[in-house]
All heavy atoms as atom14 arrays in JSON, in Angstrom:
{
  "sequence": "TTEAEIHALDRALVVISVDPGIGEPIPGGATGPQLRQYTDEVESV",
  "atom14_mask": [
    [1, 1, 1, 1, 1, 1, 1, 0, 0, 0, 0, 0, 0, 0],
    [1, 1, 1, 1, 1, 1, 1, 0, 0, 0, 0, 0, 0, 0],
    [1, 1, 1, 1, 1, 1, 1, 1, 1, 0, 0, 0, 0, 0],
    [1, 1, 1, 1, 1, 0, 0, 0, 0, 0, 0, 0, 0, 0],
    [1, 1, 1, 1, 1, 1, 1, 1, 1, 0, 0, 0, 0, 0],
    [1, 1, 1, 1, 1, 1, 1, 1, 0, 0, 0, 0, 0, 0],
    [1, 1, 1, 1, 1, 1, 1, 1, 1, 1, 0, 0, 0, 0],
    [1, 1, 1, 1, 1, 0, 0, 0, 0, 0, 0, 0, 0, 0],
    [1, 1, 1, 1, 1, 1, 1, 1, 0, 0, 0, 0, 0, 0],
    [1, 1, 1, 1, 1, 1, 1, 1, 0, 0, 0, 0, 0, 0],
    [1, 1, 1, 1, 1, 1, 1, 1, 1, 1, 1, 0, 0, 0],
    [1, 1, 1, 1, 1, 0, 0, 0, 0, 0, 0, 0, 0, 0],
    [1, 1, 1, 1, 1, 1, 1, 1, 0, 0, 0, 0, 0, 0],
    [1, 1, 1, 1, 1, 1, 1, 0, 0, 0, 0, 0, 0, 0],
    [1, 1, 1, 1, 1, 1, 1, 0, 0, 0, 0, 0, 0, 0],
    [1, 1, 1, 1, 1, 1, 1, 1, 0, 0, 0, 0, 0, 0],
    [1, 1, 1, 1, 1, 1, 0, 0, 0, 0, 0, 0, 0, 0],
    [1, 1, 1, 1, 1, 1, 1, 0, 0, 0, 0, 0, 0, 0],
    [1, 1, 1, 1, 1, 1, 1, 1, 0, 0, 0, 0, 0, 0],
    [1, 1, 1, 1, 1, 1, 1, 0, 0, 0, 0, 0, 0, 0],
    [1, 1, 1, 1, 0, 0, 0, 0, 0, 0, 0, 0, 0, 0],
    [1, 1, 1, 1, 1, 1, 1, 1, 0, 0, 0, 0, 0, 0],
    [1, 1, 1, 1, 0, 0, 0, 0, 0, 0, 0, 0, 0, 0],
    [1, 1, 1, 1, 1, 1, 1, 1, 1, 0, 0, 0, 0, 0],
    [1, 1, 1, 1, 1, 1, 1, 0, 0, 0, 0, 0, 0, 0],
    [1, 1, 1, 1, 1, 1, 1, 1, 0, 0, 0, 0, 0, 0],
    [1, 1, 1, 1, 1, 1, 1, 0, 0, 0, 0, 0, 0, 0],
    [1, 1, 1, 1, 0, 0, 0, 0, 0, 0, 0, 0, 0, 0],
    [1, 1, 1, 1, 0, 0, 0, 0, 0, 0, 0, 0, 0, 0],
    [1, 1, 1, 1, 1, 0, 0, 0, 0, 0, 0, 0, 0, 0],
    [1, 1, 1, 1, 1, 1, 1, 0, 0, 0, 0, 0, 0, 0],
    [1, 1, 1, 1, 0, 0, 0, 0, 0, 0, 0, 0, 0, 0],
    [1, 1, 1, 1, 1, 1, 1, 0, 0, 0, 0, 0, 0, 0],
    [1, 1, 1, 1, 1, 1, 1, 1, 1, 0, 0, 0, 0, 0],
    [1, 1, 1, 1, 1, 1, 1, 1, 0, 0, 0, 0, 0, 0],
    [1, 1, 1, 1, 1, 1, 1, 1, 1, 1, 1, 0, 0, 0],
    [1, 1, 1, 1, 1, 1, 1, 1, 1, 0, 0, 0, 0, 0],
    [1, 1, 1, 1, 1, 1, 1, 1, 1, 1, 1, 1, 0, 0],
    [1, 1, 1, 1, 1, 1, 1, 0, 0, 0, 0, 0, 0, 0],
    [1, 1, 1, 1, 1, 1, 1, 1, 0, 0, 0, 0, 0, 0],
    [1, 1, 1, 1, 1, 1, 1, 1, 1, 0, 0, 0, 0, 0],
    [1, 1, 1, 1, 1, 1, 1, 0, 0, 0, 0, 0, 0, 0],
    [1, 1, 1, 1, 1, 1, 1, 1, 1, 0, 0, 0, 0, 0],
    [1, 1, 1, 1, 1, 1, 0, 0, 0, 0, 0, 0, 0, 0],
    [1, 1, 1, 1, 1, 1, 1, 0, 0, 0, 0, 0, 0, 0]
  ],
  "atom14_positions": [
    [[-12.44, 18.17, -24.4], [-13.14, 17.86, -25.61], [-12.66, 16.63, -26.32], [-13.31, 16.1, -27.16], [-13.05, 19.01, -26.6], [-11.66, 19.33, -26.84], [-13.76, 20.27, -26.06], [0.0, 0.0, 0.0], [0.0, 0.0, 0.0], [0.0, 0.0, 0.0], [0.0, 0.0, 0.0], [0.0, 0.0, 0.0], [0.0, 0.0, 0.0], [0.0, 0.0, 0.0]],
    [[-11.44, 16.15, -25.96], [-10.93, 14.94, -26.68], [-10.76, 13.78, -25.76], [-10.59, 13.89, -24.57], [-9.6, 15.31, -27.35], [-8.55, 15.46, -26.29], [-9.56, 16.53, -28.21], [0.0, 0.0, 0.0], [0.0, 0.0, 0.0], [0.0, 0.0, 0.0], [0.0, 0.0, 0.0], [0.0, 0.0, 0.0], [0.0, 0.0, 0.0], [0.0, 0.0, 0.0]],
    [[-10.8, 12.67, -26.39], [-10.6, 11.37, -25.69], [-9.17, 11.32, -25.03], [-9.03, 10.79, -23.97], [-10.78, 10.23, -26.64], [-11.0, 8.89, -25.95], [-12.35, 8.75, -25.26], [-13.34, 9.37, -25.67], [-12.41, 7.96, -24.26], [0.0, 0.0, 0.0], [0.0, 0.0, 0.0], [0.0, 0.0, 0.0], [0.0, 0.0, 0.0], [0.0, 0.0, 0.0]],
    [[-8.19, 11.89, -25.76], [-6.86, 11.9, -25.25], [-6.7, 12.76, -23.92], [-6.0, 12.29, -23.05], [-5.89, 12.44, -26.31], [0.0, 0.0, 0.0], [0.0, 0.0, 0.0], [0.0, 0.0, 0.0], [0.0, 0.0, 0.0], [0.0, 0.0, 0.0], [0.0, 0.0, 0.0], [0.0, 0.0, 0.0], [0.0, 0.0, 0.0], [0.0, 0.0, 0.0]],
    [[-7.42, 13.86, -23.89], [-7.39, 14.67, -22.68], [-8.07, 13.95, -21.58], [-7.56, 13.97, -20.4], [-8.12, 16.02, -22.99], [-7.38, 16.95, -23.85], [-8.2, 18.17, -24.14], [-9.39, 18.02, -24.53], [-7.64, 19.33, -24.03], [0.0, 0.0, 0.0], [0.0, 0.0, 0.0], [0.0, 0.0, 0.0], [0.0, 0.0, 0.0], [0.0, 0.0, 0.0]],
    [[-9.14, 13.26, -21.8], [-9.84, 12.5, -20.73], [-8.97, 11.41, -20.24], [-8.83, 11.22, -19.04], [-11.14, 11.92, -21.28], [-12.16, 13.03, -21.57], [-11.79, 10.85, -20.28], [-13.34, 12.6, -22.37], [0.0, 0.0, 0.0], [0.0, 0.0, 0.0], [0.0, 0.0, 0.0], [0.0, 0.0, 0.0], [0.0, 0.0, 0.0], [0.0, 0.0, 0.0]],
    [[-8.3, 10.68, -21.16], [-7.38, 9.59, -20.76], [-6.23, 10.15, -19.89], [-5.86, 9.57, -18.91], [-6.85, 8.89, -22.05], [-5.75, 7.89, -21.69], [-6.11, 6.67, -21.16], [-4.47, 7.91, -21.72], [-5.0, 5.99, -20.98], [-3.95, 6.68, -21.34], [0.0, 0.0, 0.0], [0.0, 0.0, 0.0], [0.0, 0.0, 0.0], [0.0, 0.0, 0.0]],
    [[-5.7, 11.28, -20.35], [-4.47, 11.81, -19.62], [-4.89, 12.23, -18.18], [-4.19, 11.88, -17.26], [-4.01, 13.06, -20.37], [0.0, 0.0, 0.0], [0.0, 0.0, 0.0], [0.0, 0.0, 0.0], [0.0, 0.0, 0.0], [0.0, 0.0, 0.0], [0.0, 0.0, 0.0], [0.0, 0.0, 0.0], [0.0, 0.0, 0.0], [0.0, 0.0, 0.0]],
    [[-6.03, 12.88, -18.04], [-6.46, 13.28, -16.69], [-6.78, 12.06, -15.86], [-6.42, 11.96, -14.67], [-7.64, 14.21, -16.72], [-8.2, 14.68, -15.41], [-7.13, 15.4, -14.63], [-9.42, 15.6, -15.66], [0.0, 0.0, 0.0], [0.0, 0.0, 0.0], [0.0, 0.0, 0.0], [0.0, 0.0, 0.0], [0.0, 0.0, 0.0], [0.0, 0.0, 0.0]],
    [[-7.48, 11.13, -16.45], [-7.88, 9.91, -15.77], [-6.68, 9.15, -15.25], [-6.63, 8.66, -14.09], [-8.72, 9.03, -16.67], [-9.29, 7.83, -15.95], [-9.9, 8.05, -14.87], [-9.09, 6.69, -16.42], [0.0, 0.0, 0.0], [0.0, 0.0, 0.0], [0.0, 0.0, 0.0], [0.0, 0.0, 0.0], [0.0, 0.0, 0.0], [0.0, 0.0, 0.0]],
    [[-5.64, 9.04, -16.08], [-4.43, 8.32, -15.64], [-3.79, 9.01, -14.44], [-3.43, 8.33, -13.49], [-3.45, 8.31, -16.8], [-2.09, 7.67, -16.51], [-1.21, 7.76, -17.72], [0.18, 7.66, -17.39], [0.88, 6.51, -17.48], [0.28, 5.45, -17.85], [2.15, 6.49, -17.09], [0.0, 0.0, 0.0], [0.0, 0.0, 0.0], [0.0, 0.0, 0.0]],
    [[-3.67, 10.32, -14.49], [-3.08, 11.05, -13.37], [-4.0, 10.9, -12.08], [-3.45, 10.69, -10.98], [-2.93, 12.55, -13.68], [0.0, 0.0, 0.0], [0.0, 0.0, 0.0], [0.0, 0.0, 0.0], [0.0, 0.0, 0.0], [0.0, 0.0, 0.0], [0.0, 0.0, 0.0], [0.0, 0.0, 0.0], [0.0, 0.0, 0.0], [0.0, 0.0, 0.0]],
    [[-5.26, 10.93, -12.21], [-6.16, 10.79, -11.03], [-6.08, 9.42, -10.41], [-6.08, 9.35, -9.2], [-7.56, 11.13, -11.41], [-7.84, 12.57, -11.83], [-9.28, 12.81, -12.21], [-7.44, 13.59, -10.68], [0.0, 0.0, 0.0], [0.0, 0.0, 0.0], [0.0, 0.0, 0.0], [0.0, 0.0, 0.0], [0.0, 0.0, 0.0], [0.0, 0.0, 0.0]],
    [[-5.93, 8.35, -11.26], [-5.77, 7.02, -10.65], [-4.48, 6.93, -9.84], [-4.47, 6.38, -8.69], [-5.74, 5.92, -11.8], [-5.32, 4.62, -11.28], [-7.13, 5.83, -12.44], [0.0, 0.0, 0.0], [0.0, 0.0, 0.0], [0.0, 0.0, 0.0], [0.0, 0.0, 0.0], [0.0, 0.0, 0.0], [0.0, 0.0, 0.0], [0.0, 0.0, 0.0]],
    [[-3.42, 7.49, -10.35], [-2.12, 7.44, -9.63], [-2.25, 8.15, -8.28], [-1.82, 7.65, -7.34], [-1.0, 8.09, -10.54], [0.29, 8.23, -9.66], [-0.65, 7.23, -11.72], [0.0, 0.0, 0.0], [0.0, 0.0, 0.0], [0.0, 0.0, 0.0], [0.0, 0.0, 0.0], [0.0, 0.0, 0.0], [0.0, 0.0, 0.0], [0.0, 0.0, 0.0]],
    [[-2.84, 9.35, -8.29], [-3.04, 10.07, -7.1], [-4.01, 9.43, -6.12], [-3.74, 9.44, -4.91], [-3.46, 11.55, -7.42], [-2.41, 12.28, -8.21], [-3.88, 12.35, -6.18], [-2.92, 13.58, -8.85], [0.0, 0.0, 0.0], [0.0, 0.0, 0.0], [0.0, 0.0, 0.0], [0.0, 0.0, 0.0], [0.0, 0.0, 0.0], [0.0, 0.0, 0.0]],
    [[-5.04, 8.81, -6.62], [-5.99, 8.18, -5.73], [-5.37, 7.01, -4.99], [-5.71, 6.71, -3.88], [-7.31, 7.86, -6.48], [-7.06, 6.73, -7.32], [0.0, 0.0, 0.0], [0.0, 0.0, 0.0], [0.0, 0.0, 0.0], [0.0, 0.0, 0.0], [0.0, 0.0, 0.0], [0.0, 0.0, 0.0], [0.0, 0.0, 0.0], [0.0, 0.0, 0.0]],
    [[-4.44, 6.32, -5.68], [-3.78, 5.16, -5.08], [-2.79, 5.65, -4.06], [-2.63, 5.01, -2.96], [-3.19, 4.28, -6.18], [-2.27, 3.21, -5.53], [-4.23, 3.65, -7.03], [0.0, 0.0, 0.0], [0.0, 0.0, 0.0], [0.0, 0.0, 0.0], [0.0, 0.0, 0.0], [0.0, 0.0, 0.0], [0.0, 0.0, 0.0], [0.0, 0.0, 0.0]],
    [[-2.11, 6.73, -4.3], [-1.05, 7.18, -3.41], [-1.13, 8.73, -3.35], [-0.39, 9.41, -4.09], [0.35, 6.79, -3.9], [1.43, 7.24, -2.94], [1.18, 7.78, -1.87], [2.64, 6.99, -3.34], [0.0, 0.0, 0.0], [0.0, 0.0, 0.0], [0.0, 0.0, 0.0], [0.0, 0.0, 0.0], [0.0, 0.0, 0.0], [0.0, 0.0, 0.0]],
    [[-1.99, 9.24, -2.53], [-2.15, 10.75, -2.47], [-0.9, 11.51, -2.12], [-0.79, 12.7, -2.4], [-3.24, 10.94, -1.39], [-3.94, 9.65, -1.33], [-2.93, 8.57, -1.63], [0.0, 0.0, 0.0], [0.0, 0.0, 0.0], [0.0, 0.0, 0.0], [0.0, 0.0, 0.0], [0.0, 0.0, 0.0], [0.0, 0.0, 0.0], [0.0, 0.0, 0.0]],
    [[0.07, 10.87, -1.48], [1.29, 11.56, -1.1], [2.34, 11.58, -2.23], [3.45, 12.04, -1.98], [0.0, 0.0, 0.0], [0.0, 0.0, 0.0], [0.0, 0.0, 0.0], [0.0, 0.0, 0.0], [0.0, 0.0, 0.0], [0.0, 0.0, 0.0], [0.0, 0.0, 0.0], [0.0, 0.0, 0.0], [0.0, 0.0, 0.0], [0.0, 0.0, 0.0]],
    [[2.01, 11.08, -3.36], [3.02, 10.99, -4.5], [3.48, 12.34, -5.01], [4.62, 12.45, -5.44], [2.47, 10.12, -5.63], [3.63, 9.68, -6.51], [1.38, 10.78, -6.39], [3.25, 8.61, -7.49], [0.0, 0.0, 0.0], [0.0, 0.0, 0.0], [0.0, 0.0, 0.0], [0.0, 0.0, 0.0], [0.0, 0.0, 0.0], [0.0, 0.0, 0.0]],
    [[2.59, 13.33, -4.98], [2.97, 14.63, -5.53], [3.93, 15.39, -4.59], [4.18, 15.02, -3.49], [0.0, 0.0, 0.0], [0.0, 0.0, 0.0], [0.0, 0.0, 0.0], [0.0, 0.0, 0.0], [0.0, 0.0, 0.0], [0.0, 0.0, 0.0], [0.0, 0.0, 0.0], [0.0, 0.0, 0.0], [0.0, 0.0, 0.0], [0.0, 0.0, 0.0]],
    [[4.55, 16.38, -5.2], [5.48, 17.2, -4.45], [4.73, 18.35, -3.84], [3.9, 18.93, -4.45], [6.53, 17.82, -5.41], [7.3, 16.77, -6.21], [8.18, 17.44, -7.25], [8.25, 18.65, -7.32], [8.83, 16.7, -8.0], [0.0, 0.0, 0.0], [0.0, 0.0, 0.0], [0.0, 0.0, 0.0], [0.0, 0.0, 0.0], [0.0, 0.0, 0.0]],
    [[5.15, 18.66, -2.54], [4.52, 19.88, -1.89], [4.85, 21.11, -2.62], [5.97, 21.3, -3.09], [5.04, 19.81, -0.52], [5.74, 18.5, -0.32], [6.06, 18.0, -1.67], [0.0, 0.0, 0.0], [0.0, 0.0, 0.0], [0.0, 0.0, 0.0], [0.0, 0.0, 0.0], [0.0, 0.0, 0.0], [0.0, 0.0, 0.0], [0.0, 0.0, 0.0]],
    [[3.85, 22.06, -2.7], [4.14, 23.34, -3.29], [4.35, 24.28, -2.13], [3.55, 24.4, -1.23], [2.96, 23.81, -4.13], [2.74, 22.88, -5.34], [3.15, 25.27, -4.64], [1.56, 23.17, -6.21], [0.0, 0.0, 0.0], [0.0, 0.0, 0.0], [0.0, 0.0, 0.0], [0.0, 0.0, 0.0], [0.0, 0.0, 0.0], [0.0, 0.0, 0.0]],
    [[5.5, 25.02, -2.08], [5.71, 25.93, -1.02], [4.66, 27.0, -0.93], [4.17, 27.47, -1.89], [7.11, 26.59, -1.36], [7.66, 25.68, -2.35], [6.53, 25.01, -3.1], [0.0, 0.0, 0.0], [0.0, 0.0, 0.0], [0.0, 0.0, 0.0], [0.0, 0.0, 0.0], [0.0, 0.0, 0.0], [0.0, 0.0, 0.0], [0.0, 0.0, 0.0]],
    [[4.31, 27.31, 0.28], [3.22, 28.29, 0.49], [3.01, 28.58, 1.98], [3.79, 28.21, 2.84], [0.0, 0.0, 0.0], [0.0, 0.0, 0.0], [0.0, 0.0, 0.0], [0.0, 0.0, 0.0], [0.0, 0.0, 0.0], [0.0, 0.0, 0.0], [0.0, 0.0, 0.0], [0.0, 0.0, 0.0], [0.0, 0.0, 0.0], [0.0, 0.0, 0.0]],
    [[1.89, 29.22, 2.23], [1.53, 29.44, 3.62], [1.32, 28.18, 4.45], [0.99, 27.14, 3.95], [0.0, 0.0, 0.0], [0.0, 0.0, 0.0], [0.0, 0.0, 0.0], [0.0, 0.0, 0.0], [0.0, 0.0, 0.0], [0.0, 0.0, 0.0], [0.0, 0.0, 0.0], [0.0, 0.0, 0.0], [0.0, 0.0, 0.0], [0.0, 0.0, 0.0]],
    [[1.35, 28.42, 5.76], [1.23, 27.26, 6.69], [-0.23, 26.97, 7.06], [-0.6, 25.98, 7.62], [2.0, 27.52, 7.96], [0.0, 0.0, 0.0], [0.0, 0.0, 0.0], [0.0, 0.0, 0.0], [0.0, 0.0, 0.0], [0.0, 0.0, 0.0], [0.0, 0.0, 0.0], [0.0, 0.0, 0.0], [0.0, 0.0, 0.0], [0.0, 0.0, 0.0]],
    [[-1.16, 27.94, 6.66], [-2.56, 27.68, 7.04], [-3.27, 26.85, 5.94], [-2.98, 26.99, 4.79], [-3.28, 29.04, 7.16], [-3.2, 29.74, 5.95], [-2.77, 29.86, 8.27], [0.0, 0.0, 0.0], [0.0, 0.0, 0.0], [0.0, 0.0, 0.0], [0.0, 0.0, 0.0], [0.0, 0.0, 0.0], [0.0, 0.0, 0.0], [0.0, 0.0, 0.0]],
    [[-4.11, 26.02, 6.42], [-4.88, 25.17, 5.5], [-4.04, 23.95, 5.06], [-2.93, 23.77, 5.42], [0.0, 0.0, 0.0], [0.0, 0.0, 0.0], [0.0, 0.0, 0.0], [0.0, 0.0, 0.0], [0.0, 0.0, 0.0], [0.0, 0.0, 0.0], [0.0, 0.0, 0.0], [0.0, 0.0, 0.0], [0.0, 0.0, 0.0], [0.0, 0.0, 0.0]],
    [[-4.66, 23.12, 4.26], [-4.0, 21.87, 3.81], [-2.82, 22.21, 2.86], [-2.82, 23.24, 2.19], [-5.09, 21.1, 3.1], [-6.14, 22.05, 2.77], [-6.02, 23.19, 3.73], [0.0, 0.0, 0.0], [0.0, 0.0, 0.0], [0.0, 0.0, 0.0], [0.0, 0.0, 0.0], [0.0, 0.0, 0.0], [0.0, 0.0, 0.0], [0.0, 0.0, 0.0]],
    [[-1.89, 21.31, 2.77], [-0.68, 21.5, 1.98], [-1.01, 21.23, 0.49], [-1.47, 20.15, 0.13], [0.4, 20.45, 2.42], [1.59, 20.45, 1.49], [2.49, 21.67, 1.62], [2.94, 22.04, 2.65], [2.65, 22.36, 0.49], [0.0, 0.0, 0.0], [0.0, 0.0, 0.0], [0.0, 0.0, 0.0], [0.0, 0.0, 0.0], [0.0, 0.0, 0.0]],
    [[-0.9, 22.2, -0.34], [-1.11, 22.09, -1.79], [0.04, 21.27, -2.39], [1.21, 21.45, -2.05], [-1.15, 23.44, -2.46], [-1.68, 23.52, -3.87], [-3.14, 22.96, -3.99], [-1.67, 24.95, -4.39], [0.0, 0.0, 0.0], [0.0, 0.0, 0.0], [0.0, 0.0, 0.0], [0.0, 0.0, 0.0], [0.0, 0.0, 0.0], [0.0, 0.0, 0.0]],
    [[-0.36, 20.28, -3.21], [0.71, 19.42, -3.9], [0.51, 19.43, -5.33], [-0.52, 19.84, -5.87], [0.49, 18.0, -3.4], [0.53, 17.79, -1.87], [0.32, 16.39, -1.39], [1.57, 15.63, -1.72], [2.69, 15.61, -0.88], [2.72, 16.32, 0.13], [3.69, 14.88, -1.24], [0.0, 0.0, 0.0], [0.0, 0.0, 0.0], [0.0, 0.0, 0.0]],
    [[1.54, 19.03, -6.01], [1.47, 18.89, -7.5], [2.01, 17.51, -7.93], [3.02, 17.04, -7.35], [2.27, 20.01, -8.2], [3.76, 19.99, -7.96], [4.48, 21.11, -8.64], [3.95, 21.74, -9.56], [5.7, 21.35, -8.25], [0.0, 0.0, 0.0], [0.0, 0.0, 0.0], [0.0, 0.0, 0.0], [0.0, 0.0, 0.0], [0.0, 0.0, 0.0]],
    [[1.3, 16.92, -8.86], [1.76, 15.67, -9.48], [1.87, 15.9, -10.94], [0.92, 16.39, -11.57], [0.75, 14.55, -9.16], [1.11, 13.28, -9.97], [2.19, 12.52, -9.63], [0.27, 12.99, -11.08], [2.49, 11.41, -10.42], [0.6, 11.89, -11.79], [1.69, 11.09, -11.48], [1.9, 9.96, -12.23], [0.0, 0.0, 0.0], [0.0, 0.0, 0.0]],
    [[3.03, 15.51, -11.54], [3.17, 15.66, -13.01], [3.34, 14.24, -13.58], [4.18, 13.51, -13.16], [4.42, 16.51, -13.35], [4.27, 17.78, -12.75], [4.56, 16.61, -14.79], [0.0, 0.0, 0.0], [0.0, 0.0, 0.0], [0.0, 0.0, 0.0], [0.0, 0.0, 0.0], [0.0, 0.0, 0.0], [0.0, 0.0, 0.0], [0.0, 0.0, 0.0]],
    [[2.45, 13.89, -14.48], [2.5, 12.61, -15.24], [3.33, 12.91, -16.51], [2.82, 13.59, -17.41], [1.13, 12.14, -15.58], [1.17, 10.76, -16.2], [1.97, 10.51, -17.1], [0.4, 9.9, -15.73], [0.0, 0.0, 0.0], [0.0, 0.0, 0.0], [0.0, 0.0, 0.0], [0.0, 0.0, 0.0], [0.0, 0.0, 0.0], [0.0, 0.0, 0.0]],
    [[4.58, 12.51, -16.49], [5.5, 12.73, -17.59], [5.04, 12.05, -18.92], [5.2, 12.58, -20.02], [6.9, 12.29, -17.26], [7.43, 12.9, -15.96], [7.98, 14.24, -16.13], [8.4, 14.55, -17.21], [7.9, 15.03, -15.17], [0.0, 0.0, 0.0], [0.0, 0.0, 0.0], [0.0, 0.0, 0.0], [0.0, 0.0, 0.0], [0.0, 0.0, 0.0]],
    [[4.39, 10.84, -18.83], [3.93, 10.18, -19.98], [2.79, 10.97, -20.7], [2.75, 11.09, -21.89], [3.42, 8.76, -19.56], [2.81, 8.05, -20.79], [4.59, 7.98, -19.03], [0.0, 0.0, 0.0], [0.0, 0.0, 0.0], [0.0, 0.0, 0.0], [0.0, 0.0, 0.0], [0.0, 0.0, 0.0], [0.0, 0.0, 0.0], [0.0, 0.0, 0.0]],
    [[1.81, 11.46, -19.85], [0.64, 12.12, -20.48], [0.82, 13.6, -20.52], [-0.11, 14.31, -21.01], [-0.63, 11.72, -19.66], [-0.94, 10.3, -19.68], [-1.42, 9.81, -21.05], [-1.72, 10.63, -21.94], [-1.4, 8.57, -21.24], [0.0, 0.0, 0.0], [0.0, 0.0, 0.0], [0.0, 0.0, 0.0], [0.0, 0.0, 0.0], [0.0, 0.0, 0.0]],
    [[1.9, 14.15, -20.01], [2.14, 15.6, -19.98], [1.02, 16.36, -19.33], [0.46, 17.36, -19.92], [2.39, 16.1, -21.42], [3.51, 15.46, -22.0], [0.0, 0.0, 0.0], [0.0, 0.0, 0.0], [0.0, 0.0, 0.0], [0.0, 0.0, 0.0], [0.0, 0.0, 0.0], [0.0, 0.0, 0.0], [0.0, 0.0, 0.0], [0.0, 0.0, 0.0]],
    [[0.65, 15.93, -18.21], [-0.42, 16.53, -17.35], [0.14, 16.82, -15.93], [0.83, 16.05, -15.37], [-1.65, 15.66, -17.29], [-2.63, 16.18, -16.25], [-2.3, 15.47, -18.64], [0.0, 0.0, 0.0], [0.0, 0.0, 0.0], [0.0, 0.0, 0.0], [0.0, 0.0, 0.0], [0.0, 0.0, 0.0], [0.0, 0.0, 0.0], [0.0, 0.0, 0.0]]
  ]
}
């Protein structure tokens, strides 16, 4: 609902789209693609 939320998500998506491997792997099952997490400390997302 807010411009700040849109900006925060957009910033994180740009970083990930430039370098998809930037996030940390999340431990889990071996089947399927590896789930990853990226935390943008500046935008708290």
